[in-house]
Every structure is written in structure tokens, then in C-alpha cells.
Amino acid sequence: MNITVTLDDGADVELVVGELRRKGMSVDEVLGAIGVVGSVPVGGRAALEALDGVFAVEEDHTFQLPPL
């Protein structure tokens, strides 16, 4: 499942990213403005939400517009 993790204000980004990886997240990008983007196995979201420094974990959604 592709997700975006928003960090708490003032969270130590490197520390939180290390914890996310230890909890099973595959980190694709660390984007200072929005947080961390990556993927986690189905059922792994709750472990990420419980980490100190994590504000929110949101599943990425894909949208497809019909052709013109």
C-alpha cells in the first residue's frame, strides 16, 4: 500500500524515518514540506501511526480521468 506519512512539527526527521523503516515501511522519498512517501505491507499502517513524531498516515489514492 502506498502511503504518505506526515510528521509532527519539530520531529527529528532522520530519527522518525529510521523508525518507519524498522516498522516495515519502504521509504521512497523524504519530502520536507509534506513528510515521507513510501509503501508498507497491508496491515502495517497501525504500527506507523503509533510512532512518536508521526502526525498522520494517509493512503495514496490514484485517480484516472476519462479520455477527452
PDB file of N, CA and C in Angstrom:
ATOM      1  N   MET A   1       0.849  -1.152   0.000  1.00  0.00           N
ATOM      2  CA  MET A   1       0.000   0.000   0.000  1.00  0.00           C
ATOM      3  C   MET A   1       0.907   1.231   0.000  1.00  0.00           C
ATOM      4  N   ASN A   2       0.679   2.154  -0.936  1.00  0.00           N
ATOM      5  CA  ASN A   2       1.430   3.404  -0.993  1.00  0.00           C
ATOM      6  C   ASN A   2       0.829   4.395  -0.008  1.00  0.00           C
ATOM      7  N   ILE A   3       1.719   5.058   0.748  1.00  0.00           N
ATOM      8  CA  ILE A   3       1.253   5.958   1.792  1.00  0.00           C
ATOM      9  C   ILE A   3       2.111   7.214   1.854  1.00  0.00           C
ATOM     10  N   THR A   4       1.542   8.228   2.496  1.00  0.00           N
ATOM     11  CA  THR A   4       2.272   9.433   2.856  1.00  0.00           C
ATOM     12  C   THR A   4       2.175   9.574   4.370  1.00  0.00           C
ATOM     13  N   VAL A   5       3.318   9.781   5.009  1.00  0.00           N
ATOM     14  CA  VAL A   5       3.363   9.967   6.461  1.00  0.00           C
ATOM     15  C   VAL A   5       3.692  11.422   6.727  1.00  0.00           C
ATOM     16  N   THR A   6       2.812  12.106   7.429  1.00  0.00           N
ATOM     17  CA  THR A   6       3.039  13.490   7.825  1.00  0.00           C
ATOM     18  C   THR A   6       3.653  13.477   9.222  1.00  0.00           C
ATOM     19  N   LEU A   7       4.745  14.226   9.388  1.00  0.00           N
ATOM     20  CA  LEU A   7       5.437  14.249  10.663  1.00  0.00           C
ATOM     21  C   LEU A   7       4.945  15.390  11.539  1.00  0.00           C
ATOM     22  N   ASP A   8       5.061  15.204  12.850  1.00  0.00           N
ATOM     23  CA  ASP A   8       4.743  16.271  13.795  1.00  0.00           C
ATOM     24  C   ASP A   8       5.696  17.436  13.581  1.00  0.00           C
ATOM     25  N   ASP A   9       5.224  18.649  13.840  1.00  0.00           N
ATOM     26  CA  ASP A   9       6.104  19.821  13.799  1.00  0.00           C
ATOM     27  C   ASP A   9       7.247  19.613  14.772  1.00  0.00           C
ATOM     28  N   GLY A  10       8.458  19.869  14.317  1.00  0.00           N
ATOM     29  CA  GLY A  10       9.632  19.755  15.169  1.00  0.00           C
ATOM     30  C   GLY A  10      10.164  18.350  15.340  1.00  0.00           C
ATOM     31  N   ALA A  11       9.548  17.374  14.677  1.00  0.00           N
ATOM     32  CA  ALA A  11      10.024  15.992  14.798  1.00  0.00           C
ATOM     33  C   ALA A  11      11.399  15.865  14.147  1.00  0.00           C
ATOM     34  N   ASP A  12      12.250  15.014  14.702  1.00  0.00           N
ATOM     35  CA  ASP A  12      13.555  14.724  14.135  1.00  0.00           C
ATOM     36  C   ASP A  12      13.343  13.798  12.943  1.00  0.00           C
ATOM     37  N   VAL A  13      13.445  14.347  11.742  1.00  0.00           N
ATOM     38  CA  VAL A  13      13.106  13.615  10.520  1.00  0.00           C
ATOM     39  C   VAL A  13      13.915  12.329  10.394  1.00  0.00           C
ATOM     40  N   GLU A  14      15.220  12.403  10.578  1.00  0.00           N
ATOM     41  CA  GLU A  14      16.061  11.217  10.416  1.00  0.00           C
ATOM     42  C   GLU A  14      15.699  10.129  11.425  1.00  0.00           C
ATOM     43  N   LEU A  15      15.408  10.515  12.649  1.00  0.00           N
ATOM     44  CA  LEU A  15      15.016   9.558  13.674  1.00  0.00           C
ATOM     45  C   LEU A  15      13.692   8.890  13.318  1.00  0.00           C
ATOM     46  N   VAL A  16      12.717   9.688  12.900  1.00  0.00           N
ATOM     47  CA  VAL A  16      11.401   9.138  12.551  1.00  0.00           C
ATOM     48  C   VAL A  16      11.504   8.245  11.316  1.00  0.00           C
ATOM     49  N   VAL A  17      12.274   8.658  10.313  1.00  0.00           N
ATOM     50  CA  VAL A  17      12.434   7.828   9.107  1.00  0.00           C
ATOM     51  C   VAL A  17      13.061   6.482   9.475  1.00  0.00           C
ATOM     52  N   GLY A  18      14.046   6.486  10.361  1.00  0.00           N
ATOM     53  CA  GLY A  18      14.644   5.228  10.813  1.00  0.00           C
ATOM     54  C   GLY A  18      13.628   4.329  11.484  1.00  0.00           C
ATOM     55  N   GLU A  19      12.769   4.902  12.319  1.00  0.00           N
ATOM     56  CA  GLU A  19      11.721   4.129  12.986  1.00  0.00           C
ATOM     57  C   GLU A  19      10.692   3.603  11.986  1.00  0.00           C
ATOM     58  N   LEU A  20      10.339   4.423  11.003  1.00  0.00           N
ATOM     59  CA  LEU A  20       9.398   3.969   9.971  1.00  0.00           C
ATOM     60  C   LEU A  20       9.956   2.753   9.243  1.00  0.00           C
ATOM     61  N   ARG A  21      11.231   2.805   8.907  1.00  0.00           N
ATOM     62  CA  ARG A  21      11.868   1.669   8.221  1.00  0.00           C
ATOM     63  C   ARG A  21      11.878   0.430   9.116  1.00  0.00           C
ATOM     64  N   ARG A  22      12.169   0.596  10.392  1.00  0.00           N
ATOM     65  CA  ARG A  22      12.188  -0.546  11.311  1.00  0.00           C
ATOM     66  C   ARG A  22      10.797  -1.177  11.460  1.00  0.00           C
ATOM     67  N   LYS A  23       9.762  -0.369  11.260  1.00  0.00           N
ATOM     68  CA  LYS A  23       8.388  -0.885  11.360  1.00  0.00           C
ATOM     69  C   LYS A  23       7.876  -1.442  10.031  1.00  0.00           C
ATOM     70  N   GLY A  24       8.757  -1.497   9.015  1.00  0.00           N
ATOM     71  CA  GLY A  24       8.388  -2.155   7.763  1.00  0.00           C
ATOM     72  C   GLY A  24       8.080  -1.256   6.599  1.00  0.00           C
ATOM     73  N   MET A  25       8.225   0.064   6.764  1.00  0.00           N
ATOM     74  CA  MET A  25       7.946   0.964   5.651  1.00  0.00           C
ATOM     75  C   MET A  25       9.122   0.999   4.686  1.00  0.00           C
ATOM     76  N   SER A  26       8.835   0.909   3.421  1.00  0.00           N
ATOM     77  CA  SER A  26       9.825   1.114   2.368  1.00  0.00           C
ATOM     78  C   SER A  26       9.748   2.591   1.996  1.00  0.00           C
ATOM     79  N   VAL A  27      10.752   3.371   2.385  1.00  0.00           N
ATOM     80  CA  VAL A  27      10.744   4.816   2.174  1.00  0.00           C
ATOM     81  C   VAL A  27      11.257   5.125   0.777  1.00  0.00           C
ATOM     82  N   ASP A  28      10.417   5.778  -0.028  1.00  0.00           N
ATOM     83  CA  ASP A  28      10.799   6.175  -1.378  1.00  0.00           C
ATOM     84  C   ASP A  28      11.417   7.565  -1.390  1.00  0.00           C
ATOM     85  N   GLU A  29      10.798   8.493  -0.677  1.00  0.00           N
ATOM     86  CA  GLU A  29      11.268   9.879  -0.664  1.00  0.00           C
ATOM     87  C   GLU A  29      10.988  10.516   0.690  1.00  0.00           C
ATOM     88  N   VAL A  30      11.885  11.407   1.091  1.00  0.00           N
ATOM     89  CA  VAL A  30      11.662  12.239   2.265  1.00  0.00           C
ATOM     90  C   VAL A  30      11.499  13.657   1.739  1.00  0.00           C
ATOM     91  N   LEU A  31      10.290  14.178   1.872  1.00  0.00           N
ATOM     92  CA  LEU A  31       9.942  15.491   1.336  1.00  0.00           C
ATOM     93  C   LEU A  31       9.633  16.422   2.503  1.00  0.00           C
ATOM     94  N   GLY A  32      10.536  17.348   2.770  1.00  0.00           N
ATOM     95  CA  GLY A  32      10.399  18.212   3.927  1.00  0.00           C
ATOM     96  C   GLY A  32       9.057  18.897   4.063  1.00  0.00           C
ATOM     97  N   ALA A  33       8.467  19.307   2.959  1.00  0.00           N
ATOM     98  CA  ALA A  33       7.211  20.053   3.016  1.00  0.00           C
ATOM     99  C   ALA A  33       6.010  19.181   3.367  1.00  0.00           C
ATOM    100  N   ILE A  34       6.030  17.907   2.963  1.00  0.00           N
ATOM    101  CA  ILE A  34       4.848  17.072   3.205  1.00  0.00           C
ATOM    102  C   ILE A  34       5.104  15.859   4.072  1.00  0.00           C
ATOM    103  N   GLY A  35       6.333  15.461   4.263  1.00  0.00           N
ATOM    104  CA  GLY A  35       6.629  14.299   5.094  1.00  0.00           C
ATOM    105  C   GLY A  35       7.394  13.242   4.339  1.00  0.00           C
ATOM    106  N   VAL A  36       6.950  11.996   4.467  1.00  0.00           N
ATOM    107  CA  VAL A  36       7.659  10.850   3.919  1.00  0.00           C
ATOM    108  C   VAL A  36       6.694  10.075   3.025  1.00  0.00           C
ATOM    109  N   VAL A  37       7.175   9.691   1.846  1.00  0.00           N
ATOM    110  CA  VAL A  37       6.358   8.936   0.902  1.00  0.00           C
ATOM    111  C   VAL A  37       6.983   7.570   0.719  1.00  0.00           C
ATOM    112  N   GLY A  38       6.161   6.539   0.741  1.00  0.00           N
ATOM    113  CA  GLY A  38       6.673   5.190   0.542  1.00  0.00           C
ATOM    114  C   GLY A  38       5.545   4.179   0.552  1.00  0.00           C
ATOM    115  N   SER A  39       5.886   2.952   0.928  1.00  0.00           N
ATOM    116  CA  SER A  39       4.873   1.902   0.944  1.00  0.00           C
ATOM    117  C   SER A  39       5.069   1.038   2.186  1.00  0.00           C
ATOM    118  N   VAL A  40       4.005   0.362   2.543  1.00  0.00           N
ATOM    119  CA  VAL A  40       4.003  -0.513   3.710  1.00  0.00           C
ATOM    120  C   VAL A  40       3.104  -1.704   3.381  1.00  0.00           C
ATOM    121  N   PRO A  41       3.456  -2.886   3.888  1.00  0.00           N
ATOM    122  CA  PRO A  41       2.583  -4.038   3.653  1.00  0.00           C
ATOM    123  C   PRO A  41       1.188  -3.796   4.229  1.00  0.00           C
ATOM    124  N   VAL A  42       0.196  -4.426   3.629  1.00  0.00           N
ATOM    125  CA  VAL A  42      -1.171  -4.327   4.132  1.00  0.00           C
ATOM    126  C   VAL A  42      -1.169  -4.745   5.601  1.00  0.00           C
ATOM    127  N   GLY A  43      -1.799  -3.971   6.445  1.00  0.00           N
ATOM    128  CA  GLY A  43      -1.868  -4.250   7.868  1.00  0.00           C
ATOM    129  C   GLY A  43      -0.764  -3.586   8.671  1.00  0.00           C
ATOM    130  N   GLY A  44       0.191  -2.931   8.001  1.00  0.00           N
ATOM    131  CA  GLY A  44       1.296  -2.301   8.700  1.00  0.00           C
ATOM    132  C   GLY A  44       1.072  -0.856   9.079  1.00  0.00           C
ATOM    133  N   ARG A  45      -0.021  -0.307   8.649  1.00  0.00           N
ATOM    134  CA  ARG A  45      -0.292   1.121   8.874  1.00  0.00           C
ATOM    135  C   ARG A  45      -0.390   1.486  10.360  1.00  0.00           C
ATOM    136  N   ALA A  46      -1.053   0.675  11.145  1.00  0.00           N
ATOM    137  CA  ALA A  46      -1.264   0.988  12.563  1.00  0.00           C
ATOM    138  C   ALA A  46       0.061   1.125  13.312  1.00  0.00           C
ATOM    139  N   ALA A  47       1.040   0.309  12.986  1.00  0.00           N
ATOM    140  CA  ALA A  47       2.350   0.393  13.652  1.00  0.00           C
ATOM    141  C   ALA A  47       3.021   1.724  13.364  1.00  0.00           C
ATOM    142  N   LEU A  48       2.820   2.252  12.158  1.00  0.00           N
ATOM    143  CA  LEU A  48       3.409   3.539  11.800  1.00  0.00           C
ATOM    144  C   LEU A  48       2.703   4.682  12.514  1.00  0.00           C
ATOM    145  N   GLU A  49       1.385   4.594  12.610  1.00  0.00           N
ATOM    146  CA  GLU A  49       0.600   5.646  13.262  1.00  0.00           C
ATOM    147  C   GLU A  49       0.946   5.788  14.738  1.00  0.00           C
ATOM    148  N   ALA A  50       1.416   4.719  15.365  1.00  0.00           N
ATOM    149  CA  ALA A  50       1.708   4.732  16.794  1.00  0.00           C
ATOM    150  C   ALA A  50       3.076   5.326  17.127  1.00  0.00           C
ATOM    151  N   LEU A  51       3.908   5.603  16.122  1.00  0.00           N
ATOM    152  CA  LEU A  51       5.257   6.099  16.369  1.00  0.00           C
ATOM    153  C   LEU A  51       5.264   7.553  16.823  1.00  0.00           C
ATOM    154  N   ASP A  52       6.155   7.871  17.765  1.00  0.00           N
ATOM    155  CA  ASP A  52       6.369   9.256  18.167  1.00  0.00           C
ATOM    156  C   ASP A  52       6.888  10.039  16.968  1.00  0.00           C
ATOM    157  N   GLY A  53       6.386  11.231  16.779  1.00  0.00           N
ATOM    158  CA  GLY A  53       6.813  12.080  15.674  1.00  0.00           C
ATOM    159  C   GLY A  53       5.948  11.960  14.440  1.00  0.00           C
ATOM    160  N   VAL A  54       5.023  10.984  14.427  1.00  0.00           N
ATOM    161  CA  VAL A  54       4.123  10.802  13.280  1.00  0.00           C
ATOM    162  C   VAL A  54       2.806  11.500  13.578  1.00  0.00           C
ATOM    163  N   PHE A  55       2.422  12.413  12.696  1.00  0.00           N
ATOM    164  CA  PHE A  55       1.161  13.130  12.852  1.00  0.00           C
ATOM    165  C   PHE A  55       0.016  12.363  12.197  1.00  0.00           C
ATOM    166  N   ALA A  56       0.254  11.870  10.957  1.00  0.00           N
ATOM    167  CA  ALA A  56      -0.798  11.164  10.227  1.00  0.00           C
ATOM    168  C   ALA A  56      -0.193  10.222   9.204  1.00  0.00           C
ATOM    169  N   VAL A  57      -0.917   9.156   8.914  1.00  0.00           N
ATOM    170  CA  VAL A  57      -0.554   8.215   7.857  1.00  0.00           C
ATOM    171  C   VAL A  57      -1.748   8.136   6.927  1.00  0.00           C
ATOM    172  N   GLU A  58      -1.525   8.489   5.663  1.00  0.00           N
ATOM    173  CA  GLU A  58      -2.625   8.519   4.708  1.00  0.00           C
ATOM    174  C   GLU A  58      -2.303   7.655   3.499  1.00  0.00           C
ATOM    175  N   GLU A  59      -3.278   6.864   3.097  1.00  0.00           N
ATOM    176  CA  GLU A  59      -3.119   6.037   1.902  1.00  0.00           C
ATOM    177  C   GLU A  59      -3.206   6.925   0.665  1.00  0.00           C
ATOM    178  N   ASP A  60      -2.301   6.687  -0.270  1.00  0.00           N
ATOM    179  CA  ASP A  60      -2.342   7.417  -1.531  1.00  0.00           C
ATOM    180  C   ASP A  60      -3.441   6.842  -2.402  1.00  0.00           C
ATOM    181  N   HIS A  61      -4.137   7.708  -3.092  1.00  0.00           N
ATOM    182  CA  HIS A  61      -5.208   7.287  -3.989  1.00  0.00           C
ATOM    183  C   HIS A  61      -4.833   7.682  -5.414  1.00  0.00           C
ATOM    184  N   THR A  62      -5.204   6.839  -6.343  1.00  0.00           N
ATOM    185  CA  THR A  62      -4.960   7.103  -7.753  1.00  0.00           C
ATOM    186  C   THR A  62      -6.284   7.468  -8.416  1.00  0.00           C
ATOM    187  N   PHE A  63      -6.247   8.515  -9.212  1.00  0.00           N
ATOM    188  CA  PHE A  63      -7.438   8.940  -9.944  1.00  0.00           C
ATOM    189  C   PHE A  63      -7.138   8.901 -11.428  1.00  0.00           C
ATOM    190  N   GLN A  64      -8.108   8.481 -12.205  1.00  0.00           N
ATOM    191  CA  GLN A  64      -7.961   8.442 -13.655  1.00  0.00           C
ATOM    192  C   GLN A  64      -9.142   9.162 -14.292  1.00  0.00           C
ATOM    193  N   LEU A  65      -8.843  10.226 -15.014  1.00  0.00           N
ATOM    194  CA  LEU A  65      -9.892  10.942 -15.742  1.00  0.00           C
ATOM    195  C   LEU A  65     -10.188  10.226 -17.048  1.00  0.00           C
ATOM    196  N   PRO A  66     -11.423  10.276 -17.488  1.00  0.00           N
ATOM    197  CA  PRO A  66     -11.738   9.634 -18.761  1.00  0.00           C
ATOM    198  C   PRO A  66     -11.106  10.427 -19.909  1.00  0.00           C
ATOM    199  N   PRO A  67     -10.817   9.761 -21.023  1.00  0.00           N
ATOM    200  CA  PRO A  67     -10.241  10.481 -22.165  1.00  0.00           C
ATOM    201  C   PRO A  67     -11.213  11.518 -22.708  1.00  0.00           C
ATOM    202  N   LEU A  68     -10.664  12.565 -23.297  1.00  0.00           N
ATOM    203  CA  LEU A  68     -11.499  13.640 -23.869  1.00  0.00           C
ATOM    204  C   LEU A  68     -12.092  13.232 -25.184  1.00  0.00           C
TER     205      LEU A  68
END
